[in-house]
Amino acid sequence: MDNSKFSKIALIVSIVALAASVTVLIISLTGNKSANGGNNADSKGIVMDSLGNISIAYVNLDSLLLEYKYSIKLNEDLLTEQAKAKANLEGRIRSFEKKYNDFMEKMKLGSFISQASMESQQNDLMQEQSNLEQLDAQLTEELMMKQTEMNEELYDTVMNFIKGNYAENYTLILGNAAGSNILYAAPGMNITRDVIDQLNERYAKTKDNN
């Protein structure tokens, strides 16, 4: 039984999936609001600094998903489920292999009571093999669905947080990750550390309340 599908499910972090969804986050502001650092919104809601430049920042998604404690927890939970599913499947595969080897040994020795008995056991083995293949596919699909759900939850959490806490400061916030289109940005445009620290602070408060 080939269970290599499990090894192909990379669940340590969901960087690629989230980065694909958050390559560019555009925040359109409404009304004239004052922001920190001397940023102001013009009549169209576009945030500009004191020199009249549009306010832009970016978040490194690789770092965010590696250091955001809620993301770490979700990924570790999913890894645990993956390990349990893999152990269950491998245990059943070992049991099947023992039955198969016993069957082949009996065939070699010609120790079946009758042809009908041999064919019955052979059919049982074929059915068990088919069941294992179905279980393999089912477990893989379930894990992929759970990973998709986890990615969506992380996406919503991060996006809602950024919209709620940075909308007054920036007109455009980019999502930066390995292989993205951001080749260079001034150091001051990187707000990753601030986002991570605030997300972790909020997560810690949520855990304390629970």
Protein backbone atom coordinates (compact mmCIF):
# COMPACT_ATOMS: atom_id res chain seq x y z
CA MET A 1 0.00 0.00 0.00
CA ASP A 2 1.47 3.31 -1.03
CA ASN A 3 0.79 5.93 1.63
CA SER A 4 3.11 8.54 0.16
CA LYS A 5 0.21 10.98 -0.12
CA PHE A 6 0.65 11.83 3.53
CA SER A 7 4.23 12.91 3.00
CA LYS A 8 3.07 15.34 0.33
CA ILE A 9 0.75 17.24 2.67
CA ALA A 10 2.94 20.05 3.98
CA LEU A 11 1.22 21.24 7.12
CA ILE A 12 3.98 22.94 9.09
CA VAL A 13 2.84 26.39 7.97
CA SER A 14 0.25 27.51 5.46
CA ILE A 15 2.38 30.23 3.97
CA VAL A 16 1.77 29.51 0.31
CA ALA A 17 -2.00 29.25 0.60
CA LEU A 18 -2.38 32.38 2.66
CA ALA A 19 0.17 34.35 0.66
CA ALA A 20 -1.70 33.58 -2.54
CA SER A 21 -4.86 35.04 -1.02
CA VAL A 22 -3.16 38.07 0.49
CA THR A 23 -0.69 39.12 -2.17
CA VAL A 24 -2.20 42.60 -2.17
CA LEU A 25 -4.58 44.02 0.44
CA ILE A 26 -6.08 47.36 -0.61
CA ILE A 27 -7.70 49.38 2.13
CA SER A 28 -9.89 52.27 0.97
CA LEU A 29 -10.49 54.80 3.70
CA THR A 30 -13.56 56.97 4.08
CA GLY A 31 -13.92 60.43 5.62
CA ASN A 32 -11.28 62.84 6.86
CA LYS A 33 -9.44 61.11 9.71
CA SER A 34 -6.22 61.99 11.45
CA ALA A 35 -3.73 59.14 11.83
CA ASN A 36 -0.59 58.55 13.83
CA GLY A 37 2.74 59.82 12.55
CA GLY A 38 1.32 62.88 10.80
CA ASN A 39 -0.69 60.96 8.20
CA ASN A 40 -3.91 62.61 7.00
CA ALA A 41 -6.73 61.57 4.68
CA ASP A 42 -7.65 63.84 1.80
CA SER A 43 -11.22 64.48 0.63
CA LYS A 44 -11.26 61.13 -1.19
CA GLY A 45 -10.15 59.19 1.87
CA ILE A 46 -6.60 58.60 0.57
CA VAL A 47 -4.10 58.61 3.42
CA MET A 48 -1.03 60.77 2.78
CA ASP A 49 1.92 61.77 4.91
CA SER A 50 3.01 65.34 5.62
CA LEU A 51 4.78 65.50 2.23
CA GLY A 52 1.69 64.44 0.31
CA ASN A 53 2.89 60.88 -0.35
CA ILE A 54 0.41 58.01 -0.34
CA SER A 55 0.94 55.88 2.76
CA ILE A 56 1.97 52.31 1.90
CA ALA A 57 3.26 49.44 4.04
CA TYR A 58 3.78 45.70 3.75
CA VAL A 59 3.58 42.63 5.97
CA ASN A 60 5.96 39.69 5.61
CA LEU A 61 3.54 36.76 5.57
CA ASP A 62 6.26 34.15 6.01
CA SER A 63 7.30 35.69 9.33
CA LEU A 64 3.73 36.37 10.40
CA LEU A 65 2.58 32.77 10.00
CA LEU A 66 5.72 31.41 11.64
CA GLU A 67 5.47 33.70 14.68
CA TYR A 68 1.73 34.28 15.11
CA LYS A 69 0.92 31.98 18.03
CA TYR A 70 -2.60 31.20 16.86
CA SER A 71 -1.22 30.13 13.48
CA ILE A 72 1.34 27.94 15.26
CA LYS A 73 -1.40 26.33 17.36
CA LEU A 74 -3.64 25.59 14.38
CA ASN A 75 -0.78 24.06 12.43
CA GLU A 76 0.36 21.96 15.37
CA ASP A 77 -3.20 20.70 15.90
CA LEU A 78 -3.39 19.76 12.24
CA LEU A 79 -0.02 18.01 12.40
CA THR A 80 -1.30 16.00 15.35
CA GLU A 81 -4.35 14.90 13.38
CA GLN A 82 -2.13 14.01 10.45
CA ALA A 83 0.14 11.90 12.67
CA LYS A 84 -2.83 10.04 14.19
CA ALA A 85 -4.35 9.34 10.78
CA LYS A 86 -1.02 8.14 9.42
CA ALA A 87 -0.43 5.87 12.43
CA ASN A 88 -3.91 4.38 12.08
CA LEU A 89 -3.43 3.71 8.38
CA GLU A 90 0.05 2.26 8.81
CA GLY A 91 -1.22 -0.06 11.57
CA ARG A 92 -3.93 -1.41 9.28
CA ILE A 93 -1.43 -1.77 6.44
CA ARG A 94 0.89 -3.85 8.63
CA SER A 95 -2.02 -6.07 9.60
CA PHE A 96 -2.95 -6.53 5.94
CA GLU A 97 0.64 -7.33 4.98
CA LYS A 98 0.80 -10.06 7.63
CA LYS A 99 -2.41 -11.63 6.33
CA TYR A 100 -1.10 -11.41 2.78
CA ASN A 101 2.21 -13.04 3.69
CA ASP A 102 0.40 -15.81 5.58
CA PHE A 103 -1.80 -16.37 2.54
CA MET A 104 1.19 -16.59 0.21
CA GLU A 105 2.94 -19.02 2.56
CA LYS A 106 -0.12 -21.29 2.61
CA MET A 107 -0.26 -21.16 -1.17
CA LYS A 108 3.42 -22.08 -1.38
CA LEU A 109 2.94 -25.02 0.96
CA GLY A 110 -0.36 -26.07 -0.61
CA SER A 111 -2.00 -26.16 2.80
CA PHE A 112 -5.46 -24.90 1.84
CA ILE A 113 -8.20 -27.38 2.58
CA SER A 114 -9.84 -26.69 -0.77
CA GLN A 115 -9.75 -24.46 -3.81
CA ALA A 116 -12.88 -22.75 -2.52
CA SER A 117 -11.17 -21.94 0.78
CA MET A 118 -8.18 -20.41 -1.03
CA GLU A 119 -10.39 -18.33 -3.30
CA SER A 120 -12.47 -17.11 -0.35
CA GLN A 121 -9.40 -15.91 1.55
CA GLN A 122 -8.01 -14.36 -1.60
CA ASN A 123 -11.24 -12.42 -2.15
CA ASP A 124 -11.15 -11.25 1.47
CA LEU A 125 -7.63 -9.92 0.98
CA MET A 126 -8.60 -8.14 -2.22
CA GLN A 127 -11.56 -6.51 -0.46
CA GLU A 128 -9.36 -5.43 2.47
CA GLN A 129 -6.82 -3.95 0.09
CA SER A 130 -9.58 -2.00 -1.63
CA ASN A 131 -10.83 -0.75 1.76
CA LEU A 132 -7.34 0.42 2.68
CA GLU A 133 -6.99 2.32 -0.58
CA GLN A 134 -10.34 4.02 0.06
CA LEU A 135 -9.31 4.86 3.62
CA ASP A 136 -6.04 6.33 2.36
CA ALA A 137 -7.91 8.57 -0.09
CA GLN A 138 -10.52 9.52 2.52
CA LEU A 139 -7.97 10.50 5.18
CA THR A 140 -5.95 12.52 2.67
CA GLU A 141 -9.06 14.37 1.49
CA GLU A 142 -10.18 15.09 5.05
CA LEU A 143 -6.78 16.49 6.01
CA MET A 144 -6.68 18.68 2.92
CA MET A 145 -10.17 20.00 3.70
CA LYS A 146 -9.16 20.78 7.28
CA GLN A 147 -6.05 22.57 6.02
CA THR A 148 -8.19 24.63 3.65
CA GLU A 149 -10.53 25.54 6.50
CA MET A 150 -7.54 26.49 8.65
CA ASN A 151 -6.12 28.69 5.88
CA GLU A 152 -9.47 30.45 5.51
CA GLU A 153 -9.71 31.03 9.25
CA LEU A 154 -6.20 32.48 9.40
CA TYR A 155 -6.91 34.65 6.36
CA ASP A 156 -10.08 36.07 7.93
CA THR A 157 -8.39 36.61 11.28
CA VAL A 158 -5.41 38.47 9.85
CA MET A 159 -7.38 40.48 7.31
CA ASN A 160 -10.01 41.62 9.81
CA PHE A 161 -7.29 42.56 12.28
CA ILE A 162 -5.37 44.62 9.72
CA LYS A 163 -8.51 46.36 8.51
CA GLY A 164 -9.54 47.14 12.07
CA ASN A 165 -6.16 48.38 13.30
CA TYR A 166 -4.31 49.86 10.32
CA ALA A 167 -7.01 51.32 8.07
CA GLU A 168 -6.45 54.82 9.38
CA ASN A 169 -2.71 54.68 8.82
CA TYR A 170 -2.35 53.27 5.31
CA THR A 171 -3.96 53.44 1.90
CA LEU A 172 -2.27 50.27 0.65
CA ILE A 173 -0.90 47.29 2.57
CA LEU A 174 0.96 44.63 0.62
CA GLY A 175 1.43 41.00 1.55
CA ASN A 176 5.07 40.03 1.06
CA ALA A 177 6.25 36.41 0.89
CA ALA A 178 8.97 34.39 -0.79
CA GLY A 179 8.55 34.74 -4.55
CA SER A 180 6.29 37.78 -4.33
CA ASN A 181 6.63 40.91 -6.45
CA ILE A 182 8.15 43.11 -3.73
CA LEU A 183 11.82 43.30 -4.65
CA TYR A 184 12.72 46.25 -2.45
CA ALA A 185 11.02 48.43 0.14
CA ALA A 186 12.33 51.01 2.57
CA PRO A 187 12.72 49.54 6.08
CA GLY A 188 10.08 51.85 7.50
CA MET A 189 7.43 50.28 5.27
CA ASN A 190 7.74 46.90 7.00
CA ILE A 191 5.05 46.72 9.70
CA THR A 192 5.37 42.95 10.21
CA ARG A 193 6.75 43.06 13.73
CA ASP A 194 4.05 45.42 14.94
CA VAL A 195 1.31 43.26 13.39
CA ILE A 196 2.73 40.05 14.90
CA ASP A 197 3.15 41.58 18.36
CA GLN A 198 -0.40 42.93 18.39
CA LEU A 199 -1.88 39.69 17.07
CA ASN A 200 -0.06 37.68 19.73
CA GLU A 201 -1.10 40.13 22.43
CA ARG A 202 -4.74 39.80 21.37
CA TYR A 203 -4.44 35.99 21.21
CA ALA A 204 -2.95 35.87 24.71
CA LYS A 205 -5.89 37.90 26.04
CA THR A 206 -8.32 35.56 24.29
CA LYS A 207 -6.68 32.52 25.92
CA ASP A 208 -6.77 34.17 29.35
CA ASN A 209 -10.47 34.92 28.98
CA ASN A 210 -11.15 31.30 28.09
